[in-house]
Amino acid sequence: MVLETREIGGESKEIEQDQNTPQDKDLRPEYCQYRDEGCEYAKACLDCPFPQCLYDEPRGRQRWMKQTRDKEIKRLFDQGKKVKELATIFGVSQRTIQRGLKE
């Protein structure tokens, strides 16, 4: 089997591929074309600051954003801000602020 590959912005090349056995349903990584476009947190997946991709876990991005918000709530609360002030700043209810301070 002959595959035609093309590097991004490069010329196409023909590569001889071994015949895949029935157990090999996917191509080997060297024969796959993968465009590393990253996400809003990193320009490329290989440059990502997170140990595991936020999008691999269910609600991973949402969980990370909530943890970040709660850390900021705790920091501002320790500086003397009141629960009512924090609720106004973050646009959430006072109960949400209390939950964030509890955890």
N, C-alpha and C. Protein backbone atom coordinates (compact mmCIF):
# COMPACT_ATOMS: atom_id res chain seq x y z
N MET A 1 0.85 -1.17 0.00
CA MET A 1 0.00 0.00 0.00
C MET A 1 0.89 1.24 0.00
N VAL A 2 0.56 2.21 -0.80
CA VAL A 2 1.33 3.44 -0.90
C VAL A 2 0.49 4.58 -0.33
N LEU A 3 1.08 5.30 0.59
CA LEU A 3 0.40 6.46 1.18
C LEU A 3 1.07 7.72 0.69
N GLU A 4 0.27 8.74 0.47
CA GLU A 4 0.83 10.03 0.12
C GLU A 4 0.70 10.93 1.34
N THR A 5 1.82 11.45 1.81
CA THR A 5 1.79 12.32 2.98
C THR A 5 2.24 13.71 2.55
N ARG A 6 1.86 14.67 3.33
CA ARG A 6 2.24 16.04 3.02
C ARG A 6 2.55 16.74 4.33
N GLU A 7 3.74 17.26 4.45
CA GLU A 7 4.10 18.07 5.61
C GLU A 7 3.36 19.39 5.48
N ILE A 8 3.09 20.01 6.59
CA ILE A 8 2.40 21.30 6.56
C ILE A 8 3.30 22.29 5.86
N GLY A 9 2.82 22.83 4.76
CA GLY A 9 3.58 23.80 4.00
C GLY A 9 4.70 23.18 3.17
N GLY A 10 4.72 21.85 3.05
CA GLY A 10 5.80 21.20 2.32
C GLY A 10 5.28 20.44 1.12
N GLU A 11 6.19 19.68 0.52
CA GLU A 11 5.82 18.90 -0.65
C GLU A 11 5.29 17.55 -0.22
N SER A 12 4.51 16.92 -1.10
CA SER A 12 3.98 15.61 -0.77
C SER A 12 5.04 14.54 -1.03
N LYS A 13 4.98 13.46 -0.26
CA LYS A 13 5.93 12.36 -0.37
C LYS A 13 5.15 11.07 -0.39
N GLU A 14 5.64 10.10 -1.14
CA GLU A 14 5.00 8.80 -1.14
C GLU A 14 5.77 7.90 -0.19
N ILE A 15 5.04 7.18 0.65
CA ILE A 15 5.65 6.31 1.64
C ILE A 15 5.10 4.92 1.46
N GLU A 16 6.00 3.95 1.43
CA GLU A 16 5.56 2.55 1.39
C GLU A 16 5.17 2.15 2.79
N GLN A 17 3.97 1.58 2.92
CA GLN A 17 3.50 1.16 4.23
C GLN A 17 3.36 -0.35 4.24
N ASP A 18 3.74 -0.95 5.37
CA ASP A 18 3.53 -2.37 5.54
C ASP A 18 2.04 -2.63 5.54
N GLN A 19 1.66 -3.79 5.06
CA GLN A 19 0.25 -4.15 5.08
C GLN A 19 -0.22 -4.26 6.52
N ASN A 20 -1.32 -3.60 6.84
CA ASN A 20 -1.88 -3.66 8.19
C ASN A 20 -2.54 -5.00 8.41
N THR A 21 -2.33 -5.54 9.58
CA THR A 21 -3.01 -6.77 9.95
C THR A 21 -4.39 -6.42 10.48
N PRO A 22 -5.30 -7.38 10.61
CA PRO A 22 -6.64 -7.06 11.12
C PRO A 22 -6.61 -6.42 12.51
N GLN A 23 -5.57 -6.70 13.32
CA GLN A 23 -5.50 -6.10 14.65
C GLN A 23 -5.13 -4.62 14.57
N ASP A 24 -4.43 -4.21 13.52
CA ASP A 24 -4.00 -2.81 13.37
C ASP A 24 -5.08 -2.03 12.62
N LYS A 25 -5.95 -1.39 13.36
CA LYS A 25 -7.02 -0.63 12.72
C LYS A 25 -6.60 0.81 12.46
N ASP A 26 -5.64 1.31 13.23
CA ASP A 26 -5.18 2.68 13.06
C ASP A 26 -3.81 2.69 12.42
N LEU A 27 -3.53 3.80 11.76
CA LEU A 27 -2.19 3.96 11.21
C LEU A 27 -1.22 4.29 12.33
N ARG A 28 0.03 3.94 12.11
CA ARG A 28 1.05 4.29 13.08
C ARG A 28 1.23 5.81 13.10
N PRO A 29 1.69 6.36 14.23
CA PRO A 29 1.79 7.82 14.35
C PRO A 29 2.61 8.49 13.25
N GLU A 30 3.64 7.83 12.77
CA GLU A 30 4.46 8.46 11.75
C GLU A 30 3.73 8.59 10.41
N TYR A 31 2.61 7.87 10.24
CA TYR A 31 1.85 7.97 9.00
C TYR A 31 0.59 8.83 9.16
N CYS A 32 0.35 9.36 10.32
CA CYS A 32 -0.83 10.19 10.56
C CYS A 32 -0.49 11.66 10.38
N GLN A 33 -1.43 12.39 9.86
CA GLN A 33 -1.27 13.83 9.74
C GLN A 33 -2.01 14.48 10.90
N TYR A 34 -1.30 15.14 11.77
CA TYR A 34 -1.89 15.76 12.95
C TYR A 34 -1.47 17.21 12.99
N ARG A 35 -2.43 18.07 13.04
CA ARG A 35 -2.15 19.51 13.10
C ARG A 35 -2.32 19.95 14.56
N ASP A 36 -1.26 20.34 15.18
CA ASP A 36 -1.27 20.73 16.59
C ASP A 36 -1.67 22.20 16.68
N GLU A 37 -2.98 22.44 16.84
CA GLU A 37 -3.48 23.81 16.87
C GLU A 37 -3.67 24.33 18.29
N GLY A 38 -3.51 23.48 19.28
CA GLY A 38 -3.61 23.92 20.67
C GLY A 38 -5.02 24.31 21.05
N CYS A 39 -5.14 25.20 22.03
CA CYS A 39 -6.43 25.68 22.50
C CYS A 39 -6.26 27.10 23.02
N GLU A 40 -7.22 27.58 23.79
CA GLU A 40 -7.14 28.96 24.29
C GLU A 40 -6.06 29.14 25.35
N TYR A 41 -5.52 28.06 25.90
CA TYR A 41 -4.52 28.16 26.97
C TYR A 41 -3.09 27.97 26.47
N ALA A 42 -2.92 27.34 25.31
CA ALA A 42 -1.59 27.14 24.75
C ALA A 42 -1.70 27.14 23.22
N LYS A 43 -0.69 27.67 22.56
CA LYS A 43 -0.71 27.72 21.10
C LYS A 43 -0.57 26.33 20.48
N ALA A 44 0.05 25.42 21.21
CA ALA A 44 0.23 24.05 20.74
C ALA A 44 0.06 23.09 21.92
N CYS A 45 -0.46 21.92 21.66
CA CYS A 45 -0.65 20.94 22.73
C CYS A 45 0.67 20.57 23.40
N LEU A 46 1.74 20.54 22.61
CA LEU A 46 3.04 20.18 23.17
C LEU A 46 3.62 21.27 24.06
N ASP A 47 3.07 22.49 24.00
CA ASP A 47 3.51 23.59 24.84
C ASP A 47 2.56 23.86 26.00
N CYS A 48 1.61 22.97 26.22
CA CYS A 48 0.56 23.19 27.23
C CYS A 48 1.15 23.18 28.64
N PRO A 49 0.73 24.13 29.50
CA PRO A 49 1.26 24.19 30.86
C PRO A 49 0.62 23.16 31.80
N PHE A 50 -0.44 22.50 31.37
CA PHE A 50 -1.14 21.55 32.23
C PHE A 50 -0.57 20.15 32.07
N PRO A 51 -0.52 19.38 33.17
CA PRO A 51 -0.01 18.02 33.08
C PRO A 51 -0.92 17.10 32.26
N GLN A 52 -2.22 17.39 32.25
CA GLN A 52 -3.17 16.62 31.47
C GLN A 52 -4.12 17.60 30.79
N CYS A 53 -4.52 17.30 29.59
CA CYS A 53 -5.39 18.20 28.83
C CYS A 53 -6.71 18.41 29.55
N LEU A 54 -7.13 19.67 29.65
CA LEU A 54 -8.39 19.99 30.31
C LEU A 54 -9.58 19.38 29.59
N TYR A 55 -9.44 19.16 28.30
CA TYR A 55 -10.55 18.65 27.51
C TYR A 55 -10.62 17.11 27.53
N ASP A 56 -9.65 16.44 28.15
CA ASP A 56 -9.69 14.98 28.26
C ASP A 56 -10.64 14.52 29.37
N GLU A 57 -10.82 15.35 30.37
CA GLU A 57 -11.69 15.01 31.51
C GLU A 57 -13.08 15.59 31.29
N PRO A 58 -14.12 14.89 31.71
CA PRO A 58 -15.45 15.49 31.62
C PRO A 58 -15.52 16.76 32.47
N ARG A 59 -16.00 17.82 31.90
CA ARG A 59 -16.10 19.13 32.55
C ARG A 59 -14.75 19.59 33.10
N GLY A 60 -13.67 19.21 32.46
CA GLY A 60 -12.33 19.55 32.94
C GLY A 60 -12.06 21.03 32.95
N ARG A 61 -12.41 21.71 31.86
CA ARG A 61 -12.19 23.16 31.79
C ARG A 61 -13.06 23.87 32.82
N GLN A 62 -14.31 23.44 32.94
CA GLN A 62 -15.22 24.06 33.90
C GLN A 62 -14.71 23.88 35.33
N ARG A 63 -14.21 22.69 35.64
CA ARG A 63 -13.68 22.41 36.98
C ARG A 63 -12.45 23.27 37.27
N TRP A 64 -11.57 23.40 36.27
CA TRP A 64 -10.36 24.20 36.45
C TRP A 64 -10.72 25.67 36.66
N MET A 65 -11.67 26.18 35.88
CA MET A 65 -12.10 27.58 36.02
C MET A 65 -12.70 27.82 37.41
N LYS A 66 -13.49 26.87 37.89
CA LYS A 66 -14.11 27.01 39.21
C LYS A 66 -13.04 27.00 40.31
N GLN A 67 -12.05 26.12 40.20
CA GLN A 67 -10.97 26.06 41.20
C GLN A 67 -10.18 27.37 41.19
N THR A 68 -9.93 27.91 40.02
CA THR A 68 -9.21 29.18 39.92
C THR A 68 -10.02 30.30 40.55
N ARG A 69 -11.33 30.32 40.27
CA ARG A 69 -12.20 31.34 40.86
C ARG A 69 -12.22 31.22 42.38
N ASP A 70 -12.32 29.99 42.89
CA ASP A 70 -12.37 29.79 44.34
C ASP A 70 -11.07 30.22 45.03
N LYS A 71 -9.93 29.99 44.38
CA LYS A 71 -8.66 30.45 44.94
C LYS A 71 -8.63 31.97 45.05
N GLU A 72 -9.15 32.63 44.01
CA GLU A 72 -9.18 34.09 44.01
C GLU A 72 -10.15 34.60 45.07
N ILE A 73 -11.28 33.92 45.25
CA ILE A 73 -12.25 34.29 46.29
C ILE A 73 -11.60 34.20 47.67
N LYS A 74 -10.89 33.11 47.92
CA LYS A 74 -10.22 32.93 49.21
C LYS A 74 -9.17 34.01 49.44
N ARG A 75 -8.42 34.33 48.38
CA ARG A 75 -7.38 35.35 48.51
C ARG A 75 -7.99 36.71 48.86
N LEU A 76 -9.05 37.08 48.18
CA LEU A 76 -9.70 38.37 48.45
C LEU A 76 -10.38 38.38 49.82
N PHE A 77 -10.95 37.24 50.22
CA PHE A 77 -11.59 37.15 51.53
C PHE A 77 -10.54 37.32 52.64
N ASP A 78 -9.36 36.73 52.44
CA ASP A 78 -8.28 36.86 53.43
C ASP A 78 -7.77 38.31 53.50
N GLN A 79 -7.95 39.07 52.43
CA GLN A 79 -7.54 40.48 52.43
C GLN A 79 -8.59 41.38 53.07
N GLY A 80 -9.73 40.81 53.45
CA GLY A 80 -10.72 41.60 54.17
C GLY A 80 -12.01 41.89 53.44
N LYS A 81 -12.18 41.37 52.24
CA LYS A 81 -13.43 41.58 51.51
C LYS A 81 -14.55 40.78 52.17
N LYS A 82 -15.76 41.30 52.13
CA LYS A 82 -16.93 40.63 52.69
C LYS A 82 -17.57 39.73 51.64
N VAL A 83 -18.37 38.78 52.11
CA VAL A 83 -19.04 37.83 51.23
C VAL A 83 -19.93 38.56 50.22
N LYS A 84 -20.65 39.55 50.68
CA LYS A 84 -21.55 40.30 49.79
C LYS A 84 -20.76 41.03 48.70
N GLU A 85 -19.62 41.60 49.06
CA GLU A 85 -18.77 42.29 48.09
C GLU A 85 -18.24 41.30 47.05
N LEU A 86 -17.80 40.14 47.52
CA LEU A 86 -17.26 39.12 46.62
C LEU A 86 -18.33 38.62 45.65
N ALA A 87 -19.55 38.46 46.14
CA ALA A 87 -20.65 38.02 45.27
C ALA A 87 -20.89 39.02 44.15
N THR A 88 -20.80 40.29 44.48
CA THR A 88 -20.97 41.34 43.47
C THR A 88 -19.82 41.34 42.47
N ILE A 89 -18.60 41.20 42.97
CA ILE A 89 -17.41 41.20 42.11
C ILE A 89 -17.45 40.05 41.11
N PHE A 90 -17.78 38.84 41.58
CA PHE A 90 -17.73 37.65 40.73
C PHE A 90 -19.05 37.37 40.01
N GLY A 91 -20.10 38.10 40.37
CA GLY A 91 -21.38 37.92 39.69
C GLY A 91 -22.06 36.61 40.02
N VAL A 92 -21.88 36.15 41.27
CA VAL A 92 -22.51 34.91 41.72
C VAL A 92 -23.26 35.20 43.02
N SER A 93 -23.97 34.20 43.51
CA SER A 93 -24.72 34.40 44.75
C SER A 93 -23.79 34.35 45.95
N GLN A 94 -24.31 34.85 47.09
CA GLN A 94 -23.53 34.79 48.33
C GLN A 94 -23.30 33.35 48.75
N ARG A 95 -24.28 32.49 48.47
CA ARG A 95 -24.12 31.07 48.81
C ARG A 95 -22.98 30.43 48.02
N THR A 96 -22.81 30.81 46.76
CA THR A 96 -21.70 30.29 45.95
C THR A 96 -20.37 30.73 46.55
N ILE A 97 -20.30 31.96 47.02
CA ILE A 97 -19.09 32.46 47.67
C ILE A 97 -18.81 31.65 48.94
N GLN A 98 -19.84 31.38 49.72
CA GLN A 98 -19.67 30.59 50.94
C GLN A 98 -19.18 29.18 50.63
N ARG A 99 -19.73 28.57 49.55
CA ARG A 99 -19.26 27.24 49.15
C ARG A 99 -17.80 27.27 48.74
N GLY A 100 -17.42 28.32 48.01
CA GLY A 100 -16.02 28.45 47.57
C GLY A 100 -15.07 28.63 48.75
N LEU A 101 -15.51 29.33 49.78
CA LEU A 101 -14.67 29.53 50.97
C LEU A 101 -14.59 28.26 51.81
N LYS A 102 -15.62 27.45 51.76
CA LYS A 102 -15.66 26.23 52.56
C LYS A 102 -14.66 25.18 52.05
N GLU A 103 -14.55 25.09 50.73
CA GLU A 103 -13.70 24.02 50.15
C GLU A 103 -12.25 24.33 50.23
